Protein backbone atom coordinates (compact mmCIF):
# COMPACT_ATOMS: atom_id res chain seq x y z
CA UNK A 1 3.25 -25.74 -43.85
CA UNK A 2 1.04 -26.67 -40.90
CA UNK A 3 4.32 -28.41 -39.43
CA UNK A 4 6.35 -25.14 -40.03
CA UNK A 5 3.17 -22.77 -38.37
CA UNK A 6 3.35 -25.05 -35.35
CA UNK A 7 7.19 -24.76 -35.22
CA UNK A 8 7.02 -21.15 -35.21
CA UNK A 9 4.49 -20.61 -33.17
CA UNK A 10 6.15 -22.62 -30.69
CA UNK A 11 9.29 -20.69 -30.76
CA UNK A 12 7.70 -17.18 -30.74
CA UNK A 13 5.74 -18.24 -27.53
CA UNK A 14 8.84 -19.61 -25.96
CA UNK A 15 10.59 -16.25 -26.48
CA UNK A 16 7.58 -14.37 -25.40
CA UNK A 17 7.38 -16.54 -22.08
CA UNK A 18 11.03 -15.35 -21.21
CA UNK A 19 9.85 -11.80 -21.23
CA UNK A 20 8.18 -10.15 -18.22
CA UNK A 21 4.65 -10.38 -17.97
CA UNK A 22 2.47 -7.40 -17.61
CA UNK A 23 1.50 -6.67 -14.08
CA UNK A 24 -2.43 -6.80 -13.74
CA UNK A 25 -3.33 -4.75 -10.52
CA UNK A 26 -7.00 -3.46 -10.65
CA UNK A 27 -8.37 -0.86 -8.16
CA UNK A 28 -11.70 -1.68 -6.88
CA UNK A 29 -12.52 0.76 -4.38
CA UNK A 30 -11.03 3.46 -2.27
CA UNK A 31 -12.31 5.00 0.88
CA UNK A 32 -10.34 8.20 2.43
CA UNK A 33 -11.75 9.95 5.05
CA UNK A 34 -10.13 13.03 7.63
CA UNK A 35 -12.21 13.59 10.48
CA UNK A 36 -11.58 16.33 13.37
CA UNK A 37 -13.83 16.41 16.52
CA UNK A 38 -14.10 18.74 19.35
CA UNK A 39 -14.73 17.56 23.03
CA UNK A 40 -17.96 17.90 24.53
CA UNK A 41 -16.85 20.43 26.98
CA UNK A 42 -15.13 22.68 24.14
CA UNK A 43 -17.20 25.55 23.15
CA UNK A 44 -16.48 27.89 19.90
CA UNK A 45 -14.90 24.87 18.02
CA UNK A 46 -16.06 23.42 14.99
CA UNK A 47 -16.07 19.78 13.93
CA UNK A 48 -15.05 18.72 10.43
CA UNK A 49 -15.25 15.45 7.99
CA UNK A 50 -14.14 14.81 4.39
CA UNK A 51 -14.65 11.65 2.73
CA UNK A 52 -13.62 10.66 -0.90
CA UNK A 53 -14.57 7.34 -2.54
CA UNK A 54 -13.23 7.62 -6.09
CA UNK A 55 -9.81 7.15 -7.56
CA UNK A 56 -8.80 10.71 -8.01
CA UNK A 57 -5.86 12.30 -5.67
CA UNK A 58 -7.46 13.15 -2.50
CA UNK A 59 -5.82 16.07 -0.14
CA UNK A 60 -7.58 17.30 3.00
CA UNK A 61 -6.47 19.54 5.91
CA UNK A 62 -8.24 20.74 8.81
CA UNK A 63 -8.00 22.24 12.19
CA UNK A 64 -10.16 22.95 15.08
CA UNK A 65 -8.93 25.14 17.99
CA UNK A 66 -10.54 26.14 20.79
CA UNK A 67 -10.88 30.20 20.37
CA UNK A 68 -11.13 30.50 23.94
CA UNK A 69 -8.66 28.47 24.97
CA UNK A 70 -6.02 27.19 22.32
CA UNK A 71 -3.60 25.54 24.57
CA UNK A 72 -5.84 23.33 25.94
CA UNK A 73 -8.09 21.94 23.19
CA UNK A 74 -7.40 21.77 19.45
CA UNK A 75 -6.99 19.20 16.58
CA UNK A 76 -5.11 19.17 13.18
CA UNK A 77 -5.57 16.39 10.63
CA UNK A 78 -4.37 16.02 7.39
CA UNK A 79 -4.04 13.42 4.63
CA UNK A 80 -2.59 13.22 0.84
CA UNK A 81 -3.39 10.04 -0.95
CA UNK A 82 -2.60 9.24 -4.87
CA UNK A 83 -3.51 6.02 -6.89
CA UNK A 84 -1.11 5.88 -9.91
CA UNK A 85 -1.11 3.05 -12.54
CA UNK A 86 1.90 0.97 -10.36
CA UNK A 87 2.09 2.98 -6.98
CA UNK A 88 0.15 4.21 -4.38
CA UNK A 89 1.10 6.90 -2.20
CA UNK A 90 -0.34 7.82 1.38
CA UNK A 91 0.67 10.69 3.55
CA UNK A 92 -1.26 11.48 6.84
CA UNK A 93 -1.05 13.02 10.15
CA UNK A 94 -3.66 13.23 13.02
CA UNK A 95 -2.91 15.64 16.11
CA UNK A 96 -5.18 16.06 19.26
CA UNK A 97 -4.98 18.04 22.37
CA UNK A 98 -7.03 18.26 25.52
CA UNK A 99 -10.50 16.52 24.69
CA UNK A 100 -10.35 16.85 20.76
CA UNK A 101 -10.06 13.93 18.47
CA UNK A 102 -8.65 13.49 14.83
CA UNK A 103 -8.53 10.59 12.60
CA UNK A 104 -7.33 9.84 9.09
CA UNK A 105 -7.89 6.78 7.06
CA UNK A 106 -7.38 5.33 3.72
CA UNK A 107 -8.92 2.19 2.65
CA UNK A 108 -7.91 0.45 -0.75
CA UNK A 109 -9.35 -2.77 -2.14
CA UNK A 110 -7.47 -4.01 -5.07
CA UNK A 111 -7.00 -7.40 -7.34
CA UNK A 112 -3.89 -8.72 -8.63
CA UNK A 113 -4.62 -11.15 -11.49
CA UNK A 114 -1.18 -12.42 -12.24
CA UNK A 115 1.93 -13.04 -9.85
CA UNK A 116 3.11 -9.42 -9.20
CA UNK A 117 6.44 -7.72 -7.66
CA UNK A 118 6.14 -4.97 -5.43
CA UNK A 119 8.43 -2.71 -3.42
CA UNK A 120 7.06 -0.99 -0.04
CA UNK A 121 8.49 1.84 2.07
CA UNK A 122 6.83 3.77 4.92
CA UNK A 123 6.77 4.64 8.65
CA UNK A 124 4.30 5.46 11.04
CA UNK A 125 4.63 7.09 14.43
CA UNK A 126 2.31 7.48 17.71
CA UNK A 127 2.00 8.22 21.10
CA UNK A 128 0.81 5.43 23.40
CA UNK A 129 -2.45 5.24 25.09
CA UNK A 130 -4.07 8.47 23.28
CA UNK A 131 -2.71 7.97 19.32
CA UNK A 132 -2.50 5.32 17.24
CA UNK A 133 -1.34 4.60 13.85
CA UNK A 134 -1.03 1.15 11.46
CA UNK A 135 -0.42 -0.15 7.93
CA UNK A 136 -2.52 -3.29 7.50
CA UNK A 137 -2.28 -5.40 4.10
CA UNK A 138 -4.75 -8.52 3.98
CA UNK A 139 -5.08 -11.02 1.34
CA UNK A 140 -3.55 -14.26 -0.25
CA UNK A 141 -0.26 -12.87 0.60
CA UNK A 142 0.85 -10.81 3.86
CA UNK A 143 3.77 -8.94 4.73
CA UNK A 144 6.98 -11.01 5.81
CA UNK A 145 8.15 -10.94 9.55
CA UNK A 146 11.00 -8.59 8.87
CA UNK A 147 9.09 -6.30 6.60
CA UNK A 148 8.17 -4.35 9.72
CA UNK A 149 10.73 -2.74 12.23
CA UNK A 150 9.57 -1.33 15.10
CA UNK A 151 11.55 0.74 17.69
CA UNK A 152 10.69 2.99 20.81
CA UNK A 153 12.07 6.36 22.17
CA UNK A 154 10.43 7.62 25.23
CA UNK A 155 6.76 7.63 25.03
CA UNK A 156 6.80 7.98 21.34
CA UNK A 157 6.55 4.67 18.92
CA UNK A 158 7.90 4.21 15.55
CA UNK A 159 7.60 1.71 13.10
CA UNK A 160 9.62 1.17 9.59
CA UNK A 161 8.16 -0.75 6.74
CA UNK A 162 10.57 -1.99 3.74
CA UNK A 163 10.71 -5.36 1.86
CA UNK A 164 14.19 -4.63 0.43
CA UNK A 165 16.30 -5.48 3.10
CA UNK A 166 15.74 -9.43 3.41
CA UNK A 167 15.43 -12.22 0.81
CA UNK A 168 12.29 -14.69 0.57
CA UNK A 169 10.77 -16.14 2.98
CA UNK A 170 11.80 -13.71 5.35
CA UNK A 171 10.67 -10.65 2.94
CA UNK A 172 7.88 -11.13 1.11
CA UNK A 173 8.55 -9.56 -2.76
CA UNK A 174 5.72 -10.73 -5.12
CA UNK A 175 1.91 -10.85 -4.43
CA UNK A 176 -0.04 -13.85 -5.53
CA UNK A 177 -3.16 -13.40 -7.44
CA UNK A 178 -6.25 -12.56 -5.77
CA UNK A 179 -8.07 -9.62 -3.74
CA UNK A 180 -6.23 -7.40 -1.44
CA UNK A 181 -7.11 -4.86 1.34
CA UNK A 182 -4.50 -2.21 2.00
CA UNK A 183 -5.45 -0.24 5.03
CA UNK A 184 -3.50 3.07 6.40
CA UNK A 185 -4.71 5.11 9.52
CA UNK A 186 -3.68 7.41 12.10
CA UNK A 187 -5.93 8.60 14.88
CA UNK A 188 -6.20 10.35 18.39
CA UNK A 189 -8.68 10.59 20.61
CA UNK A 190 -9.69 10.69 24.72
CA UNK A 191 -8.20 12.66 27.65
CA UNK A 192 -4.28 13.49 26.87
CA UNK A 193 -2.07 11.18 29.12
CA UNK A 194 -0.01 13.36 31.57
CA UNK A 195 -0.66 16.78 29.39
CA UNK A 196 0.41 18.01 26.34
CA UNK A 197 -0.81 17.35 22.69
CA UNK A 198 -0.37 13.88 21.09
CA UNK A 199 0.47 13.42 17.16
CA UNK A 200 0.00 10.26 15.14
CA UNK A 201 1.72 10.01 11.58
CA UNK A 202 1.71 7.39 8.63
CA UNK A 203 3.35 7.67 5.32
CA UNK A 204 3.38 4.67 2.98
CA UNK A 205 4.62 4.11 -0.83
CA UNK A 206 3.76 0.79 -2.67
CA UNK A 207 4.89 0.02 -6.18
CA UNK A 208 3.99 -2.71 -8.19
CA UNK A 209 6.19 -4.16 -10.86
CA UNK A 210 5.92 -7.00 -13.66
CA UNK A 211 6.38 -10.27 -12.23
CA UNK A 212 8.94 -12.61 -14.70
CA UNK A 213 7.36 -15.76 -15.76
CA UNK A 214 9.60 -18.77 -14.49
CA UNK A 215 12.78 -19.57 -16.75
CA UNK A 216 12.28 -23.21 -16.97
CA UNK A 217 8.85 -22.62 -18.55
CA UNK A 218 10.51 -20.51 -21.12
CA UNK A 219 13.53 -22.79 -21.95
CA UNK A 220 10.96 -25.64 -22.52
CA UNK A 221 8.91 -23.80 -24.92
CA UNK A 222 11.95 -22.16 -26.83
CA UNK A 223 13.40 -25.83 -27.13
CA UNK A 224 9.75 -26.95 -28.57
CA UNK A 225 9.96 -24.23 -31.08
CA UNK A 226 13.43 -25.32 -32.04
CA UNK A 227 12.47 -29.02 -32.57
CA UNK A 228 9.59 -27.93 -34.78
CA UNK A 229 11.68 -25.81 -36.77
CA UNK A 230 14.15 -28.96 -37.06
CA UNK A 231 11.45 -31.41 -38.24
CA UNK A 232 10.09 -28.65 -40.98
CA UNK A 233 13.82 -28.66 -42.47
CA UNK A 234 13.88 -32.29 -42.44
CA UNK A 235 10.43 -32.60 -44.17
CA UNK A 236 11.43 -30.18 -46.78
CA UNK A 237 14.93 -31.94 -47.70
């Protein structure tokens, strides 16, 4: 009986080892902030700020024009961000003109318990000097060198994010276990360069999926299970 139990157990474990492991991504903290500020010399403009630290969907949009002269000083800032069980989506923009300033930020800390496959896609855009936009992932696994492709057109700079066009190690497709921080920002401030308004945008999606257990381990356990059944059959004959 004990030999049969061991053989069947090994066989079951071997079969299960060939199946994908459940992804284990745990969100530990999240901070979303939208901020719009009027320049000191602007009269009649109101500053706004909104922050969320829970895990529910976040949506905020503010604007602060100068009623006396809307063409020279104003800001517009927004963010929509959602945390689903296996996906993070962020969309934000920050526009400023004159001496106003605007910023939107998304900061997420999460833990990966098992090797977890992921896909990412996104794009940031910003004007030089007075605006900025960024997507940063820090932790045991980093974006690969070819996960970010930047291009520029005139004074506006854009960067695309995707880990689906290259094979490892040029493009990272699996997160190692550990603690991670994902930060997405778009901001603008200071005096405009050569006049006119300046805009910064950031859009990003990150999707998690189970990473399969290596095949060699599954094959070894499956063979062990078959061996146990074979021994059981001999002992009963």
